[in-house]
Amino acid sequence: MRTSIKTLLCLALAASVLLAEASNAGGVDSSTIVSAAQKAAVAAVNFREGDAAGFNKARTDFTEEGWKDFLRHMVGFLDSQGAPTFNSSFVPSKSAKILDENEGKIHFRIPGTLTQSNQQGRTTYGHAALEVHVIYDPDKKQVEIQRLEQITCAGASTACD
């Protein structure tokens, strides 16, 4: 009887490990996905005024809908050639924090400092973050940003932590 219980427990443990690996995004762990997505997200919000090519280079890291959403936030801040009309720099201050992970989709936050400038002035948000929603496409072996939002916080707000 004890042998049967041990066997069942071993089989249950092996099955749970296999299921966890199967549910993993194409065999890639979430820390690898977040690391790649963090680089892409930070690159997307680091751009120079007038550099349409540099700004649009980030397009390849987004889903189609994700890029459209990102551009909606840039309405009024792109010139007729699609170049940004200001400089933007985001420097992470801590590692990304996973907020939700479900069925190959990961939502995480990157705290940091956001600086935006143009010829008229400069603003630095010392308490800022990037909210990032990504998927991993195992067929393309690519991380794609579904949503990227820059947030700023004031006072004791923890929304950027």
Foldseek 3Di string as FASTA:
>chain_A
DVVVVVVVVVVVVVVVVVVVCVLAQLNDHPVVLLVVVVVLQQQQQADAAPCQVSNCVSVVQADPQQVVQVVVVCVVQADPVRGGRKGKHWDFPDRWDWDDDDRQKTWIKTWTKMWIGHPVGIDIQGTKIKIWIWGQHNVVRGIHTHHIDIGGDDDPDPPRD
